[in-house]
Amino acid sequence: MPLFMDRHDVDNATAQDVAAAHVSDLQKANQFGVEFLSYWFDSDSGAVFCLAKSPDSNRLMAVHEASHGLIPNEIITVSEDSVLRFLGQIKDPTDATELSSPFRTVMFSDLVGSTALLNQVGDADFMGLLSEHDVIIRRAIVAWGGREVKHTGDGFMASFDDVSNALECALNMQQGFEERTLTSNDHELMIRVGLSAGEPVDHNQDIYGKAVNLASRICDAALPGTILVSDVVSQLGAQDGFSFSAIETRQLKGFAEPTPVSFLLGSPKRRRPRWWRRLL
């Protein structure tokens, strides 16, 4: 059966309210041929997200209407692989104490000048350099609890449950390439990184569609060797002690309005990266 994720906007609901509504869904599900797999609650935005197998979206909507009347604002088709990569292990919470948020930070990285480097060194040497690049990034993603969503050829897309971990990972990646430059006589490798954050269903027919598109475009707009983030990421990161440049706006491809962004400058846990002086 197809796999769906839906979104309910439930102002003023508590975790206990959401858990009770899910129990009602489970009690009605068999009548409609629907199987609920998990659900998430973002108390900050007042949004509930349900993951279910259903013959079609109408059956899924009918279960909600019959059990508690909370009709989804949006329903999208998703793949199990995408859900696992963005959200991690699928587990149905037993009660309100196990509820977790679906809010995720999305990271894109890009190897600067990869085409020129390929033309300069040739296929064989380029693949060796790309392997070094992949190892540095994958080590950082694993070390900071991220999930690799996709390898883009000369970069990565990754998902993080925690904004702070995503920011530390980005700094760790940049530090890894700085250290390689200091110890290697080979060609210099430099990356740019972009981060955004959001929820899985937001008027877009793809899981984390807006957050993914924004992170990708922010990465494209980042200066070589820097980390550029959305305003949401900088606001949340600042609460945890990270430092950022002043907010500026960029006109990003695919976005009608200018997008507020800032550069990540440092972490409460580590020194500022070498490249931050370029922004002064």
C-alpha atoms as a PDB file:
ATOM      1  CA  MET A   1       0.000   0.000   0.000  1.00  0.00           C
ATOM      2  CA  PRO A   2       1.090   3.584  -0.546  1.00  0.00           C
ATOM      3  CA  LEU A   3       2.707   5.415   2.350  1.00  0.00           C
ATOM      4  CA  PHE A   4       1.348   8.826   3.343  1.00  0.00           C
ATOM      5  CA  MET A   5       2.263  11.574   5.771  1.00  0.00           C
ATOM      6  CA  ASP A   6      -0.276  14.169   6.798  1.00  0.00           C
ATOM      7  CA  ARG A   7      -0.251  17.411   8.741  1.00  0.00           C
ATOM      8  CA  HIS A   8      -2.815  18.643  11.266  1.00  0.00           C
ATOM      9  CA  ASP A   9      -2.674  22.155  12.723  1.00  0.00           C
ATOM     10  CA  VAL A  10      -3.930  21.819  16.310  1.00  0.00           C
ATOM     11  CA  ASP A  11      -3.664  25.092  18.202  1.00  0.00           C
ATOM     12  CA  ASN A  12      -3.488  24.800  21.997  1.00  0.00           C
ATOM     13  CA  ALA A  13      -3.344  20.988  21.938  1.00  0.00           C
ATOM     14  CA  THR A  14      -1.186  19.179  24.488  1.00  0.00           C
ATOM     15  CA  ALA A  15       0.918  16.067  24.003  1.00  0.00           C
ATOM     16  CA  GLN A  16      -1.740  14.163  25.954  1.00  0.00           C
ATOM     17  CA  ASP A  17      -4.465  15.438  23.583  1.00  0.00           C
ATOM     18  CA  VAL A  18      -2.463  14.304  20.572  1.00  0.00           C
ATOM     19  CA  ALA A  19      -1.779  10.871  22.090  1.00  0.00           C
ATOM     20  CA  ALA A  20      -5.496  10.393  22.815  1.00  0.00           C
ATOM     21  CA  ALA A  21      -6.406  11.331  19.237  1.00  0.00           C
ATOM     22  CA  HIS A  22      -3.883   8.805  17.926  1.00  0.00           C
ATOM     23  CA  VAL A  23      -5.427   6.053  20.051  1.00  0.00           C
ATOM     24  CA  SER A  24      -8.799   6.889  18.480  1.00  0.00           C
ATOM     25  CA  ASP A  25      -7.227   6.642  15.022  1.00  0.00           C
ATOM     26  CA  LEU A  26      -5.839   3.192  15.838  1.00  0.00           C
ATOM     27  CA  GLN A  27      -9.263   2.013  16.955  1.00  0.00           C
ATOM     28  CA  LYS A  28     -10.891   3.079  13.673  1.00  0.00           C
ATOM     29  CA  ALA A  29      -8.055   2.260  11.282  1.00  0.00           C
ATOM     30  CA  ASN A  30      -9.019  -1.326  10.409  1.00  0.00           C
ATOM     31  CA  GLN A  31     -12.482  -0.248   9.309  1.00  0.00           C
ATOM     32  CA  PHE A  32     -10.907   1.771   6.516  1.00  0.00           C
ATOM     33  CA  GLY A  33      -8.001  -0.530   5.672  1.00  0.00           C
ATOM     34  CA  VAL A  34      -5.469   1.930   7.087  1.00  0.00           C
ATOM     35  CA  GLU A  35      -2.343   1.100   9.122  1.00  0.00           C
ATOM     36  CA  PHE A  36      -0.824   3.854  11.267  1.00  0.00           C
ATOM     37  CA  LEU A  37       2.953   3.548  11.722  1.00  0.00           C
ATOM     38  CA  SER A  38       3.932   6.590  13.775  1.00  0.00           C
ATOM     39  CA  TYR A  39       3.183  10.212  14.551  1.00  0.00           C
ATOM     40  CA  TRP A  40       5.059  13.320  15.678  1.00  0.00           C
ATOM     41  CA  PHE A  41       4.051  16.494  17.495  1.00  0.00           C
ATOM     42  CA  ASP A  42       5.736  19.881  17.196  1.00  0.00           C
ATOM     43  CA  SER A  43       4.432  21.814  20.180  1.00  0.00           C
ATOM     44  CA  ASP A  44       6.105  25.052  19.030  1.00  0.00           C
ATOM     45  CA  SER A  45       4.092  25.225  15.811  1.00  0.00           C
ATOM     46  CA  GLY A  46       1.066  23.265  17.042  1.00  0.00           C
ATOM     47  CA  ALA A  47       1.347  20.707  14.257  1.00  0.00           C
ATOM     48  CA  VAL A  48       0.822  16.938  14.285  1.00  0.00           C
ATOM     49  CA  PHE A  49       2.227  14.670  11.567  1.00  0.00           C
ATOM     50  CA  CYS A  50       0.927  11.129  11.026  1.00  0.00           C
ATOM     51  CA  LEU A  51       2.611   8.389   9.003  1.00  0.00           C
ATOM     52  CA  ALA A  52       0.301   5.688   7.658  1.00  0.00           C
ATOM     53  CA  LYS A  53      -0.187   3.074   4.967  1.00  0.00           C
ATOM     54  CA  SER A  54      -3.504   3.497   3.197  1.00  0.00           C
ATOM     55  CA  PRO A  55      -5.145   2.435  -0.095  1.00  0.00           C
ATOM     56  CA  ASP A  56      -5.481   6.159  -0.887  1.00  0.00           C
ATOM     57  CA  SER A  57      -5.436   9.548   0.804  1.00  0.00           C
ATOM     58  CA  ASN A  58      -9.233   9.693   1.051  1.00  0.00           C
ATOM     59  CA  ARG A  59      -9.277   6.615   3.325  1.00  0.00           C
ATOM     60  CA  LEU A  60      -6.682   8.207   5.577  1.00  0.00           C
ATOM     61  CA  MET A  61      -8.724  11.384   5.813  1.00  0.00           C
ATOM     62  CA  ALA A  62     -11.859   9.360   6.538  1.00  0.00           C
ATOM     63  CA  VAL A  63     -10.227   7.657   9.537  1.00  0.00           C
ATOM     64  CA  HIS A  64      -9.364  10.990  11.102  1.00  0.00           C
ATOM     65  CA  GLU A  65     -12.837  12.345  10.461  1.00  0.00           C
ATOM     66  CA  ALA A  66     -14.499   9.292  11.993  1.00  0.00           C
ATOM     67  CA  SER A  67     -12.243   9.065  15.053  1.00  0.00           C
ATOM     68  CA  HIS A  68     -11.891  12.671  16.208  1.00  0.00           C
ATOM     69  CA  GLY A  69     -12.823  15.044  13.377  1.00  0.00           C
ATOM     70  CA  LEU A  70      -9.344  16.562  12.973  1.00  0.00           C
ATOM     71  CA  ILE A  71      -9.087  16.720   9.191  1.00  0.00           C
ATOM     72  CA  PRO A  72      -5.512  16.960   7.812  1.00  0.00           C
ATOM     73  CA  ASN A  73      -4.468  20.279   6.307  1.00  0.00           C
ATOM     74  CA  GLU A  74      -2.119  18.478   3.927  1.00  0.00           C
ATOM     75  CA  ILE A  75      -1.458  14.885   2.852  1.00  0.00           C
ATOM     76  CA  ILE A  76       1.558  13.858   0.779  1.00  0.00           C
ATOM     77  CA  THR A  77       2.865  10.558  -0.550  1.00  0.00           C
ATOM     78  CA  VAL A  78       6.253   9.584   0.877  1.00  0.00           C
ATOM     79  CA  SER A  79       8.711   6.716   0.571  1.00  0.00           C
ATOM     80  CA  GLU A  80       9.860   4.685   3.551  1.00  0.00           C
ATOM     81  CA  ASP A  81      13.466   5.327   2.577  1.00  0.00           C
ATOM     82  CA  SER A  82      12.965   9.107   2.669  1.00  0.00           C
ATOM     83  CA  VAL A  83      11.234   8.953   6.041  1.00  0.00           C
ATOM     84  CA  LEU A  84      14.042   6.866   7.525  1.00  0.00           C
ATOM     85  CA  ARG A  85      16.754   9.132   6.152  1.00  0.00           C
ATOM     86  CA  PHE A  86      15.149  12.348   7.370  1.00  0.00           C
ATOM     87  CA  LEU A  87      13.410  11.220  10.557  1.00  0.00           C
ATOM     88  CA  GLY A  88      15.316   8.123  11.621  1.00  0.00           C
ATOM     89  CA  GLN A  89      13.832   4.908  12.981  1.00  0.00           C
ATOM     90  CA  ILE A  90      10.064   4.641  12.636  1.00  0.00           C
ATOM     91  CA  LYS A  91       8.559   3.908  16.040  1.00  0.00           C
ATOM     92  CA  ASP A  92       4.980   4.408  17.148  1.00  0.00           C
ATOM     93  CA  PRO A  93       5.010   6.279  20.504  1.00  0.00           C
ATOM     94  CA  THR A  94       3.223   4.322  23.246  1.00  0.00           C
ATOM     95  CA  ASP A  95       2.080   7.475  25.048  1.00  0.00           C
ATOM     96  CA  ALA A  96       2.605  11.229  25.301  1.00  0.00           C
ATOM     97  CA  THR A  97       5.952  10.830  27.088  1.00  0.00           C
ATOM     98  CA  GLU A  98       7.511   9.286  23.951  1.00  0.00           C
ATOM     99  CA  LEU A  99       6.323  11.946  21.530  1.00  0.00           C
ATOM    100  CA  SER A 100       9.090  13.622  19.535  1.00  0.00           C
ATOM    101  CA  SER A 101       9.252  16.578  17.169  1.00  0.00           C
ATOM    102  CA  PRO A 102       9.609  16.118  13.387  1.00  0.00           C
ATOM    103  CA  PHE A 103      11.502  19.426  13.094  1.00  0.00           C
ATOM    104  CA  ARG A 104      14.773  18.723  11.270  1.00  0.00           C
ATOM    105  CA  THR A 105      17.812  20.698  10.153  1.00  0.00           C
ATOM    106  CA  VAL A 106      18.833  20.027   6.555  1.00  0.00           C
ATOM    107  CA  MET A 107      22.418  20.477   5.401  1.00  0.00           C
ATOM    108  CA  PHE A 108      23.894  20.655   1.896  1.00  0.00           C
ATOM    109  CA  SER A 109      27.614  20.682   1.135  1.00  0.00           C
ATOM    110  CA  ASP A 110      29.323  21.342  -2.179  1.00  0.00           C
ATOM    111  CA  LEU A 111      32.923  20.807  -3.261  1.00  0.00           C
ATOM    112  CA  VAL A 112      34.082  24.174  -4.606  1.00  0.00           C
ATOM    113  CA  GLY A 113      35.453  24.122  -8.158  1.00  0.00           C
ATOM    114  CA  SER A 114      34.908  20.387  -8.640  1.00  0.00           C
ATOM    115  CA  THR A 115      34.531  20.605 -12.435  1.00  0.00           C
ATOM    116  CA  ALA A 116      37.718  22.646 -12.827  1.00  0.00           C
ATOM    117  CA  LEU A 117      39.542  20.256 -10.519  1.00  0.00           C
ATOM    118  CA  LEU A 118      38.390  17.258 -12.560  1.00  0.00           C
ATOM    119  CA  ASN A 119      39.614  18.875 -15.770  1.00  0.00           C
ATOM    120  CA  GLN A 120      42.924  19.706 -14.123  1.00  0.00           C
ATOM    121  CA  VAL A 121      43.833  16.329 -12.583  1.00  0.00           C
ATOM    122  CA  GLY A 122      41.886  13.801 -14.685  1.00  0.00           C
ATOM    123  CA  ASP A 123      39.370  11.151 -13.740  1.00  0.00           C
ATOM    124  CA  ALA A 124      41.591   8.805 -11.713  1.00  0.00           C
ATOM    125  CA  ASP A 125      43.176  11.453  -9.477  1.00  0.00           C
ATOM    126  CA  PHE A 126      39.882  13.273  -9.095  1.00  0.00           C
ATOM    127  CA  MET A 127      38.203  10.118  -7.773  1.00  0.00           C
ATOM    128  CA  GLY A 128      40.987   9.808  -5.198  1.00  0.00           C
ATOM    129  CA  LEU A 129      40.464  13.399  -4.062  1.00  0.00           C
ATOM    130  CA  LEU A 130      36.709  12.889  -4.005  1.00  0.00           C
ATOM    131  CA  SER A 131      37.168   9.849  -1.753  1.00  0.00           C
ATOM    132  CA  GLU A 132      39.148  11.992   0.701  1.00  0.00           C
ATOM    133  CA  HIS A 133      36.373  14.581   0.550  1.00  0.00           C
ATOM    134  CA  ASP A 134      33.705  11.956   1.241  1.00  0.00           C
ATOM    135  CA  VAL A 135      35.563  10.508   4.226  1.00  0.00           C
ATOM    136  CA  ILE A 136      35.945  13.904   5.927  1.00  0.00           C
ATOM    137  CA  ILE A 137      32.270  14.739   5.524  1.00  0.00           C
ATOM    138  CA  ARG A 138      30.905  11.301   6.434  1.00  0.00           C
ATOM    139  CA  ARG A 139      33.021  11.180   9.598  1.00  0.00           C
ATOM    140  CA  ALA A 140      31.615  14.521  10.695  1.00  0.00           C
ATOM    141  CA  ILE A 141      28.012  13.543   9.922  1.00  0.00           C
ATOM    142  CA  VAL A 142      28.320  10.318  11.939  1.00  0.00           C
ATOM    143  CA  ALA A 143      30.162  12.043  14.798  1.00  0.00           C
ATOM    144  CA  TRP A 144      27.387  14.596  15.235  1.00  0.00           C
ATOM    145  CA  GLY A 145      24.444  12.229  14.912  1.00  0.00           C
ATOM    146  CA  GLY A 146      23.343  13.180  11.413  1.00  0.00           C
ATOM    147  CA  ARG A 147      21.859  10.987   8.708  1.00  0.00           C
ATOM    148  CA  GLU A 148      23.163  11.016   5.165  1.00  0.00           C
ATOM    149  CA  VAL A 149      20.156  11.583   2.934  1.00  0.00           C
ATOM    150  CA  LYS A 150      21.931  11.744  -0.408  1.00  0.00           C
ATOM    151  CA  HIS A 151      25.360  11.896  -2.025  1.00  0.00           C
ATOM    152  CA  THR A 152      25.119  14.469  -4.796  1.00  0.00           C
ATOM    153  CA  GLY A 153      28.339  13.547  -6.593  1.00  0.00           C
ATOM    154  CA  ASP A 154      30.451  16.423  -5.301  1.00  0.00           C
ATOM    155  CA  GLY A 155      28.541  17.039  -2.076  1.00  0.00           C
ATOM    156  CA  PHE A 156      26.096  15.703   0.485  1.00  0.00           C
ATOM    157  CA  MET A 157      22.627  16.258   1.836  1.00  0.00           C
ATOM    158  CA  ALA A 158      22.169  15.347   5.499  1.00  0.00           C
ATOM    159  CA  SER A 159      19.452  15.573   8.157  1.00  0.00           C
ATOM    160  CA  PHE A 160      19.849  16.362  11.861  1.00  0.00           C
ATOM    161  CA  ASP A 161      17.405  16.094  14.748  1.00  0.00           C
ATOM    162  CA  ASP A 162      19.189  18.892  16.591  1.00  0.00           C
ATOM    163  CA  VAL A 163      20.198  22.296  15.210  1.00  0.00           C
ATOM    164  CA  SER A 164      23.278  22.483  17.429  1.00  0.00           C
ATOM    165  CA  ASN A 165      24.561  19.140  16.167  1.00  0.00           C
ATOM    166  CA  ALA A 166      24.092  20.281  12.573  1.00  0.00           C
ATOM    167  CA  LEU A 167      26.069  23.461  13.229  1.00  0.00           C
ATOM    168  CA  GLU A 168      28.845  21.583  15.041  1.00  0.00           C
ATOM    169  CA  CYS A 169      28.977  19.108  12.161  1.00  0.00           C
ATOM    170  CA  ALA A 170      29.366  21.905   9.613  1.00  0.00           C
ATOM    171  CA  LEU A 171      32.216  23.427  11.630  1.00  0.00           C
ATOM    172  CA  ASN A 172      33.783  20.001  12.067  1.00  0.00           C
ATOM    173  CA  MET A 173      33.675  19.456   8.304  1.00  0.00           C
ATOM    174  CA  GLN A 174      35.330  22.800   7.612  1.00  0.00           C
ATOM    175  CA  GLN A 175      37.970  22.098  10.240  1.00  0.00           C
ATOM    176  CA  GLY A 176      38.665  18.737   8.604  1.00  0.00           C
ATOM    177  CA  PHE A 177      39.396  20.407   5.273  1.00  0.00           C
ATOM    178  CA  GLU A 178      41.521  23.094   6.947  1.00  0.00           C
ATOM    179  CA  GLU A 179      43.633  20.418   8.634  1.00  0.00           C
ATOM    180  CA  ARG A 180      43.981  18.532   5.362  1.00  0.00           C
ATOM    181  CA  THR A 181      45.283  21.709   3.698  1.00  0.00           C
ATOM    182  CA  LEU A 182      47.893  22.152   6.428  1.00  0.00           C
ATOM    183  CA  THR A 183      49.161  18.557   6.252  1.00  0.00           C
ATOM    184  CA  SER A 184      48.810  17.673   2.560  1.00  0.00           C
ATOM    185  CA  ASN A 185      50.895  18.721  -0.414  1.00  0.00           C
ATOM    186  CA  ASP A 186      48.067  17.633  -2.716  1.00  0.00           C
ATOM    187  CA  HIS A 187      45.446  19.851  -4.327  1.00  0.00           C
ATOM    188  CA  GLU A 188      43.491  21.980  -1.837  1.00  0.00           C
ATOM    189  CA  LEU A 189      39.890  20.899  -1.251  1.00  0.00           C
ATOM    190  CA  MET A 190      37.334  23.467  -0.126  1.00  0.00           C
ATOM    191  CA  ILE A 191      33.615  23.189   0.481  1.00  0.00           C
ATOM    192  CA  ARG A 192      30.679  25.516   0.946  1.00  0.00           C
ATOM    193  CA  VAL A 193      27.789  24.556   3.259  1.00  0.00           C
ATOM    194  CA  GLY A 194      24.146  25.647   3.511  1.00  0.00           C
ATOM    195  CA  LEU A 195      21.651  24.876   6.287  1.00  0.00           C
ATOM    196  CA  SER A 196      17.935  25.391   6.788  1.00  0.00           C
ATOM    197  CA  ALA A 197      15.327  23.811   9.041  1.00  0.00           C
ATOM    198  CA  GLY A 198      11.662  22.912   8.926  1.00  0.00           C
ATOM    199  CA  GLU A 199       8.872  20.366   9.200  1.00  0.00           C
ATOM    200  CA  PRO A 200       8.040  17.438   6.900  1.00  0.00           C
ATOM    201  CA  VAL A 201       4.763  18.666   5.385  1.00  0.00           C
ATOM    202  CA  ASP A 202       4.305  22.369   4.614  1.00  0.00           C
ATOM    203  CA  HIS A 203       2.107  22.891   1.557  1.00  0.00           C
ATOM    204  CA  ASN A 204       4.675  21.079  -0.561  1.00  0.00           C
ATOM    205  CA  GLN A 205       4.222  17.710  -2.245  1.00  0.00           C
ATOM    206  CA  ASP A 206       7.544  16.351  -1.026  1.00  0.00           C
ATOM    207  CA  ILE A 207       8.849  15.458   2.417  1.00  0.00           C
ATOM    208  CA  TYR A 208      10.788  18.434   3.815  1.00  0.00           C
ATOM    209  CA  GLY A 209      10.407  19.998   0.384  1.00  0.00           C
ATOM    210  CA  LYS A 210      10.761  23.650   1.403  1.00  0.00           C
ATOM    211  CA  ALA A 211      13.592  22.999   3.876  1.00  0.00           C
ATOM    212  CA  VAL A 212      15.492  20.946   1.280  1.00  0.00           C
ATOM    213  CA  ASN A 213      15.078  23.519  -1.481  1.00  0.00           C
ATOM    214  CA  LEU A 214      16.095  26.352   0.825  1.00  0.00           C
ATOM    215  CA  ALA A 215      19.196  24.555   2.151  1.00  0.00           C
ATOM    216  CA  SER A 216      20.274  23.730  -1.403  1.00  0.00           C
ATOM    217  CA  ARG A 217      19.893  27.321  -2.612  1.00  0.00           C
ATOM    218  CA  ILE A 218      21.611  28.698   0.496  1.00  0.00           C
ATOM    219  CA  CYS A 219      24.530  26.348  -0.158  1.00  0.00           C
ATOM    220  CA  ASP A 220      24.728  27.654  -3.731  1.00  0.00           C
ATOM    221  CA  ALA A 221      24.868  31.215  -2.362  1.00  0.00           C
ATOM    222  CA  ALA A 222      27.570  30.522   0.243  1.00  0.00           C
ATOM    223  CA  LEU A 223      31.076  31.841  -0.327  1.00  0.00           C
ATOM    224  CA  PRO A 224      33.764  29.203  -0.888  1.00  0.00           C
ATOM    225  CA  GLY A 225      34.889  27.786   2.432  1.00  0.00           C
ATOM    226  CA  THR A 226      31.991  29.217   4.456  1.00  0.00           C
ATOM    227  CA  ILE A 227      28.795  28.055   6.174  1.00  0.00           C
ATOM    228  CA  LEU A 228      25.632  30.013   5.332  1.00  0.00           C
ATOM    229  CA  VAL A 229      22.389  29.402   7.253  1.00  0.00           C
ATOM    230  CA  SER A 230      18.731  30.422   7.211  1.00  0.00           C
ATOM    231  CA  ASP A 231      17.343  32.852   9.784  1.00  0.00           C
ATOM    232  CA  VAL A 232      15.571  30.033  11.638  1.00  0.00           C
ATOM    233  CA  VAL A 233      18.845  28.134  12.035  1.00  0.00           C
ATOM    234  CA  SER A 234      20.720  31.230  13.224  1.00  0.00           C
ATOM    235  CA  GLN A 235      17.976  32.108  15.738  1.00  0.00           C
ATOM    236  CA  LEU A 236      17.958  28.616  17.222  1.00  0.00           C
ATOM    237  CA  GLY A 237      21.747  28.351  17.104  1.00  0.00           C
ATOM    238  CA  ALA A 238      22.203  31.684  18.863  1.00  0.00           C
ATOM    239  CA  GLN A 239      20.127  30.362  21.760  1.00  0.00           C
ATOM    240  CA  ASP A 240      22.752  27.615  22.172  1.00  0.00           C
ATOM    241  CA  GLY A 241      25.702  29.991  22.100  1.00  0.00           C
ATOM    242  CA  PHE A 242      26.710  29.901  18.416  1.00  0.00           C
ATOM    243  CA  SER A 243      27.840  33.154  16.813  1.00  0.00           C
ATOM    244  CA  PHE A 244      26.762  34.445  13.420  1.00  0.00           C
ATOM    245  CA  SER A 245      27.396  37.374  11.127  1.00  0.00           C
ATOM    246  CA  ALA A 246      24.780  40.096  10.793  1.00  0.00           C
ATOM    247  CA  ILE A 247      21.687  38.964   8.900  1.00  0.00           C
ATOM    248  CA  GLU A 248      21.623  39.923   5.232  1.00  0.00           C
ATOM    249  CA  THR A 249      19.240  39.066   2.423  1.00  0.00           C
ATOM    250  CA  ARG A 250      19.937  37.062  -0.718  1.00  0.00           C
ATOM    251  CA  GLN A 251      17.730  36.622  -3.769  1.00  0.00           C
ATOM    252  CA  LEU A 252      17.774  32.849  -4.116  1.00  0.00           C
ATOM    253  CA  LYS A 253      16.712  30.989  -7.246  1.00  0.00           C
ATOM    254  CA  GLY A 254      13.164  29.671  -6.927  1.00  0.00           C
ATOM    255  CA  PHE A 255      12.196  32.017  -4.070  1.00  0.00           C
ATOM    256  CA  ALA A 256      10.105  35.072  -4.887  1.00  0.00           C
ATOM    257  CA  GLU A 257      11.168  37.145  -1.886  1.00  0.00           C
ATOM    258  CA  PRO A 258      14.713  37.898  -0.692  1.00  0.00           C
ATOM    259  CA  THR A 259      15.816  35.339   1.906  1.00  0.00           C
ATOM    260  CA  PRO A 260      17.426  36.378   5.227  1.00  0.00           C
ATOM    261  CA  VAL A 261      20.681  34.480   5.823  1.00  0.00           C
ATOM    262  CA  SER A 262      23.832  34.768   7.926  1.00  0.00           C
ATOM    263  CA  PHE A 263      27.248  33.128   8.143  1.00  0.00           C
ATOM    264  CA  LEU A 264      28.093  30.769  10.988  1.00  0.00           C
ATOM    265  CA  LEU A 265      31.157  32.204  12.748  1.00  0.00           C
ATOM    266  CA  GLY A 266      31.777  30.024  15.750  1.00  0.00           C
ATOM    267  CA  SER A 267      30.634  27.580  18.386  1.00  0.00           C
ATOM    268  CA  PRO A 268      30.669  27.691  22.189  1.00  0.00           C
ATOM    269  CA  LYS A 269      32.646  24.420  22.005  1.00  0.00           C
ATOM    270  CA  ARG A 270      35.387  25.244  19.531  1.00  0.00           C
ATOM    271  CA  ARG A 271      37.551  28.010  18.115  1.00  0.00           C
ATOM    272  CA  ARG A 272      36.352  30.094  15.214  1.00  0.00           C
ATOM    273  CA  PRO A 273      37.273  28.633  11.825  1.00  0.00           C
ATOM    274  CA  ARG A 274      40.025  30.277   9.789  1.00  0.00           C
ATOM    275  CA  TRP A 275      37.651  31.529   7.121  1.00  0.00           C
ATOM    276  CA  TRP A 276      35.575  33.771   9.410  1.00  0.00           C
ATOM    277  CA  ARG A 277      38.020  36.671   8.870  1.00  0.00           C
ATOM    278  CA  ARG A 278      36.943  36.799   5.212  1.00  0.00           C
ATOM    279  CA  LEU A 279      33.558  38.082   6.355  1.00  0.00           C
ATOM    280  CA  LEU A 280      34.860  41.077   8.313  1.00  0.00           C
END
